[in-house]
Amino acid sequence: MYFTIRGRVDSFEDSSYERTVNEGTPEATTEMVARYQLMLDIPGVAEMVRCDLSPDRIPDLPALKVFDKWELEESWVVVTADNFRQTKGTKGNRTWAMASFSAVKVEEMSAAERQAILDARRQTKTARKQKAAAARAAKQPQGKKPDAA
């Protein structure tokens, strides 16, 4: 099962780290594990969506300068993920949770896809406004005209 996430790039962070392999043995070595995080802004969603990127999971991962460009231009991207991880915790008397999607593909959205999303969003907003206006009209008593401002 795959998740397809379409959103605008908010930030890109390098979260690479070093780890020791064969610790406690004569063959102990340190290696660098490359990890990146992409934060997406999705219209209509209050929180950012976090996607974890790993070069060993994404064979055609764009170069780091491409991610920097996407971040500066706030480009729209399509991220395909095969699973997600949820982390929960408490801080003081507040509970928090965070979901992180494991990406298997990342690509910039085409102009046609961007336009289709904007058109669909515009249609949804128009339909919502029409429904609200109809509900207001239904609540108004018969024979009474709306007040002119």
C-alpha atoms as a PDB file:
ATOM      1  CA  MET A   1       0.000   0.000   0.000  1.00  0.00           C
ATOM      2  CA  TYR A   2       1.272   3.459  -0.901  1.00  0.00           C
ATOM      3  CA  PHE A   3       0.445   6.959   0.326  1.00  0.00           C
ATOM      4  CA  THR A   4       0.631   9.773  -2.208  1.00  0.00           C
ATOM      5  CA  ILE A   5       1.152  13.163  -0.602  1.00  0.00           C
ATOM      6  CA  ARG A   6       0.957  16.380  -2.585  1.00  0.00           C
ATOM      7  CA  GLY A   7       2.123  19.546  -0.881  1.00  0.00           C
ATOM      8  CA  ARG A   8       4.263  22.648  -0.936  1.00  0.00           C
ATOM      9  CA  VAL A   9       7.820  22.313   0.402  1.00  0.00           C
ATOM     10  CA  ASP A  10       8.150  24.235   3.665  1.00  0.00           C
ATOM     11  CA  SER A  11      11.571  23.049   4.816  1.00  0.00           C
ATOM     12  CA  PHE A  12      14.288  20.514   4.118  1.00  0.00           C
ATOM     13  CA  GLU A  13      16.675  19.326   6.830  1.00  0.00           C
ATOM     14  CA  ASP A  14      19.709  17.077   6.856  1.00  0.00           C
ATOM     15  CA  SER A  15      19.308  14.677   9.791  1.00  0.00           C
ATOM     16  CA  SER A  16      22.258  12.419   8.939  1.00  0.00           C
ATOM     17  CA  TYR A  17      24.107  10.782  11.810  1.00  0.00           C
ATOM     18  CA  GLU A  18      27.175   8.664  12.581  1.00  0.00           C
ATOM     19  CA  ARG A  19      26.876   5.148  13.912  1.00  0.00           C
ATOM     20  CA  THR A  20      29.447   2.648  15.114  1.00  0.00           C
ATOM     21  CA  VAL A  21      29.431  -0.765  13.459  1.00  0.00           C
ATOM     22  CA  ASN A  22      30.815  -3.807  15.316  1.00  0.00           C
ATOM     23  CA  GLU A  23      31.195  -1.825  18.533  1.00  0.00           C
ATOM     24  CA  GLY A  24      33.395  -3.517  21.118  1.00  0.00           C
ATOM     25  CA  THR A  25      35.327  -5.561  18.552  1.00  0.00           C
ATOM     26  CA  PRO A  26      38.659  -4.895  16.820  1.00  0.00           C
ATOM     27  CA  GLU A  27      36.745  -4.309  13.541  1.00  0.00           C
ATOM     28  CA  ALA A  28      34.727  -1.409  14.996  1.00  0.00           C
ATOM     29  CA  THR A  29      34.210   1.342  12.436  1.00  0.00           C
ATOM     30  CA  THR A  30      32.159   4.490  12.221  1.00  0.00           C
ATOM     31  CA  GLU A  31      29.905   5.112   9.254  1.00  0.00           C
ATOM     32  CA  MET A  32      27.702   8.006   8.202  1.00  0.00           C
ATOM     33  CA  VAL A  33      23.990   7.251   7.745  1.00  0.00           C
ATOM     34  CA  ALA A  34      22.356   9.710   5.357  1.00  0.00           C
ATOM     35  CA  ARG A  35      18.846  10.811   6.365  1.00  0.00           C
ATOM     36  CA  TYR A  36      16.810  13.821   5.340  1.00  0.00           C
ATOM     37  CA  GLN A  37      13.480  15.293   6.412  1.00  0.00           C
ATOM     38  CA  LEU A  38      11.089  17.112   4.125  1.00  0.00           C
ATOM     39  CA  MET A  39       8.301  19.166   5.714  1.00  0.00           C
ATOM     40  CA  LEU A  40       5.264  19.759   3.507  1.00  0.00           C
ATOM     41  CA  ASP A  41       2.543  22.369   3.832  1.00  0.00           C
ATOM     42  CA  ILE A  42      -0.801  21.032   2.645  1.00  0.00           C
ATOM     43  CA  PRO A  43      -3.576  23.604   2.116  1.00  0.00           C
ATOM     44  CA  GLY A  44      -6.438  23.037   4.532  1.00  0.00           C
ATOM     45  CA  VAL A  45      -4.318  21.038   6.989  1.00  0.00           C
ATOM     46  CA  ALA A  46      -3.246  22.813  10.179  1.00  0.00           C
ATOM     47  CA  GLU A  47      -0.040  20.828  10.793  1.00  0.00           C
ATOM     48  CA  MET A  48       2.964  20.209   8.573  1.00  0.00           C
ATOM     49  CA  VAL A  49       3.444  16.744   7.085  1.00  0.00           C
ATOM     50  CA  ARG A  50       6.864  15.212   7.754  1.00  0.00           C
ATOM     51  CA  CYS A  51       8.462  12.862   5.229  1.00  0.00           C
ATOM     52  CA  ASP A  52      11.656  10.923   5.970  1.00  0.00           C
ATOM     53  CA  LEU A  53      13.992  10.483   3.001  1.00  0.00           C
ATOM     54  CA  SER A  54      16.719   7.873   2.883  1.00  0.00           C
ATOM     55  CA  PRO A  55      19.026   7.446  -0.145  1.00  0.00           C
ATOM     56  CA  ASP A  56      18.977   3.637   0.257  1.00  0.00           C
ATOM     57  CA  ARG A  57      15.153   3.636  -0.057  1.00  0.00           C
ATOM     58  CA  ILE A  58      14.952   6.177  -2.908  1.00  0.00           C
ATOM     59  CA  PRO A  59      17.364   5.190  -5.683  1.00  0.00           C
ATOM     60  CA  ASP A  60      16.689   8.333  -7.773  1.00  0.00           C
ATOM     61  CA  LEU A  61      16.769  10.822  -4.877  1.00  0.00           C
ATOM     62  CA  PRO A  62      17.267  14.359  -6.237  1.00  0.00           C
ATOM     63  CA  ALA A  63      20.500  16.167  -5.368  1.00  0.00           C
ATOM     64  CA  LEU A  64      20.582  18.206  -2.153  1.00  0.00           C
ATOM     65  CA  LYS A  65      20.769  21.459  -4.132  1.00  0.00           C
ATOM     66  CA  VAL A  66      17.436  20.539  -5.765  1.00  0.00           C
ATOM     67  CA  PHE A  67      15.827  20.277  -2.322  1.00  0.00           C
ATOM     68  CA  ASP A  68      17.325  23.650  -1.359  1.00  0.00           C
ATOM     69  CA  LYS A  69      15.864  25.152  -4.546  1.00  0.00           C
ATOM     70  CA  TRP A  70      12.444  23.607  -3.813  1.00  0.00           C
ATOM     71  CA  GLU A  71      12.571  25.022  -0.285  1.00  0.00           C
ATOM     72  CA  LEU A  72      13.465  28.543  -1.459  1.00  0.00           C
ATOM     73  CA  GLU A  73      10.832  28.549  -4.212  1.00  0.00           C
ATOM     74  CA  GLU A  74       8.228  26.738  -2.071  1.00  0.00           C
ATOM     75  CA  SER A  75       7.756  24.262  -4.912  1.00  0.00           C
ATOM     76  CA  TRP A  76       4.911  21.757  -5.025  1.00  0.00           C
ATOM     77  CA  VAL A  77       6.033  18.126  -4.848  1.00  0.00           C
ATOM     78  CA  VAL A  78       4.542  14.651  -4.965  1.00  0.00           C
ATOM     79  CA  VAL A  79       5.856  12.258  -2.319  1.00  0.00           C
ATOM     80  CA  THR A  80       5.065   8.550  -2.445  1.00  0.00           C
ATOM     81  CA  ALA A  81       5.473   6.723   0.864  1.00  0.00           C
ATOM     82  CA  ASP A  82       5.030   3.042   1.689  1.00  0.00           C
ATOM     83  CA  ASN A  83       4.482   3.372   5.453  1.00  0.00           C
ATOM     84  CA  PHE A  84       4.430   5.803   8.325  1.00  0.00           C
ATOM     85  CA  ARG A  85       5.638   5.867  11.888  1.00  0.00           C
ATOM     86  CA  GLN A  86       3.790   7.533  14.721  1.00  0.00           C
ATOM     87  CA  THR A  87       5.582   8.816  17.799  1.00  0.00           C
ATOM     88  CA  LYS A  88       3.703   9.771  20.956  1.00  0.00           C
ATOM     89  CA  GLY A  89       4.798  11.348  24.191  1.00  0.00           C
ATOM     90  CA  THR A  90       3.999  13.712  26.997  1.00  0.00           C
ATOM     91  CA  LYS A  91       5.631  16.929  28.063  1.00  0.00           C
ATOM     92  CA  GLY A  92       4.482  18.094  31.452  1.00  0.00           C
ATOM     93  CA  ASN A  93       0.756  17.532  31.408  1.00  0.00           C
ATOM     94  CA  ARG A  94       0.449  17.850  27.614  1.00  0.00           C
ATOM     95  CA  THR A  95       0.287  14.889  25.250  1.00  0.00           C
ATOM     96  CA  TRP A  96       1.729  15.088  21.752  1.00  0.00           C
ATOM     97  CA  ALA A  97       1.884  12.855  18.668  1.00  0.00           C
ATOM     98  CA  MET A  98       3.769  13.064  15.399  1.00  0.00           C
ATOM     99  CA  ALA A  99       3.462  11.019  12.218  1.00  0.00           C
ATOM    100  CA  SER A 100       6.376  10.606   9.848  1.00  0.00           C
ATOM    101  CA  PHE A 101       5.995   9.114   6.354  1.00  0.00           C
ATOM    102  CA  SER A 102       8.807   6.975   4.882  1.00  0.00           C
ATOM    103  CA  ALA A 103       9.199   8.174   1.309  1.00  0.00           C
ATOM    104  CA  VAL A 104      10.092   5.887  -1.582  1.00  0.00           C
ATOM    105  CA  LYS A 105       9.765   8.536  -4.322  1.00  0.00           C
ATOM    106  CA  VAL A 106       9.934  12.346  -4.484  1.00  0.00           C
ATOM    107  CA  GLU A 107       9.383  14.496  -7.549  1.00  0.00           C
ATOM    108  CA  GLU A 108       8.370  18.037  -8.394  1.00  0.00           C
ATOM    109  CA  MET A 109       4.744  18.457  -9.387  1.00  0.00           C
ATOM    110  CA  SER A 110       4.088  19.403 -13.003  1.00  0.00           C
ATOM    111  CA  ALA A 111       2.374  22.692 -13.877  1.00  0.00           C
ATOM    112  CA  ALA A 112      -0.716  20.790 -15.071  1.00  0.00           C
ATOM    113  CA  GLU A 113      -0.984  18.907 -11.752  1.00  0.00           C
ATOM    114  CA  ARG A 114      -0.607  22.155  -9.788  1.00  0.00           C
ATOM    115  CA  GLN A 115      -3.337  23.801 -11.854  1.00  0.00           C
ATOM    116  CA  ALA A 116      -5.652  20.801 -11.389  1.00  0.00           C
ATOM    117  CA  ILE A 117      -5.202  20.980  -7.603  1.00  0.00           C
ATOM    118  CA  LEU A 118      -5.849  24.734  -7.556  1.00  0.00           C
ATOM    119  CA  ASP A 119      -8.976  24.307  -9.720  1.00  0.00           C
ATOM    120  CA  ALA A 120     -10.331  21.518  -7.502  1.00  0.00           C
ATOM    121  CA  ARG A 121      -9.681  23.612  -4.397  1.00  0.00           C
ATOM    122  CA  ARG A 122     -11.442  26.610  -5.972  1.00  0.00           C
ATOM    123  CA  GLN A 123     -14.474  24.455  -6.855  1.00  0.00           C
ATOM    124  CA  THR A 124     -14.634  23.076  -3.309  1.00  0.00           C
ATOM    125  CA  LYS A 125     -14.503  26.570  -1.799  1.00  0.00           C
ATOM    126  CA  THR A 126     -17.242  27.807  -4.171  1.00  0.00           C
ATOM    127  CA  ALA A 127     -19.474  24.835  -3.352  1.00  0.00           C
ATOM    128  CA  ARG A 128     -18.921  25.396   0.382  1.00  0.00           C
ATOM    129  CA  LYS A 129     -19.856  29.093   0.059  1.00  0.00           C
ATOM    130  CA  GLN A 130     -23.000  28.232  -1.941  1.00  0.00           C
ATOM    131  CA  LYS A 131     -24.059  25.676   0.652  1.00  0.00           C
ATOM    132  CA  ALA A 132     -23.552  28.190   3.476  1.00  0.00           C
ATOM    133  CA  ALA A 133     -25.547  30.847   1.582  1.00  0.00           C
ATOM    134  CA  ALA A 134     -28.378  28.365   0.978  1.00  0.00           C
ATOM    135  CA  ALA A 135     -28.410  27.459   4.679  1.00  0.00           C
ATOM    136  CA  ARG A 136     -28.570  31.155   5.646  1.00  0.00           C
ATOM    137  CA  ALA A 137     -31.399  31.752   3.161  1.00  0.00           C
ATOM    138  CA  ALA A 138     -33.337  28.771   4.533  1.00  0.00           C
ATOM    139  CA  LYS A 139     -33.030  30.121   8.093  1.00  0.00           C
ATOM    140  CA  GLN A 140     -34.390  33.552   7.152  1.00  0.00           C
ATOM    141  CA  PRO A 141     -38.135  33.977   7.760  1.00  0.00           C
ATOM    142  CA  GLN A 142     -40.331  34.164   4.650  1.00  0.00           C
ATOM    143  CA  GLY A 143     -41.228  37.649   3.466  1.00  0.00           C
ATOM    144  CA  LYS A 144     -38.348  39.350   5.258  1.00  0.00           C
ATOM    145  CA  LYS A 145     -35.609  40.854   3.126  1.00  0.00           C
ATOM    146  CA  PRO A 146     -31.994  40.832   4.230  1.00  0.00           C
ATOM    147  CA  ASP A 147     -30.765  44.067   5.770  1.00  0.00           C
ATOM    148  CA  ALA A 148     -28.892  46.308   3.377  1.00  0.00           C
ATOM    149  CA  ALA A 149     -25.524  47.398   4.666  1.00  0.00           C
END
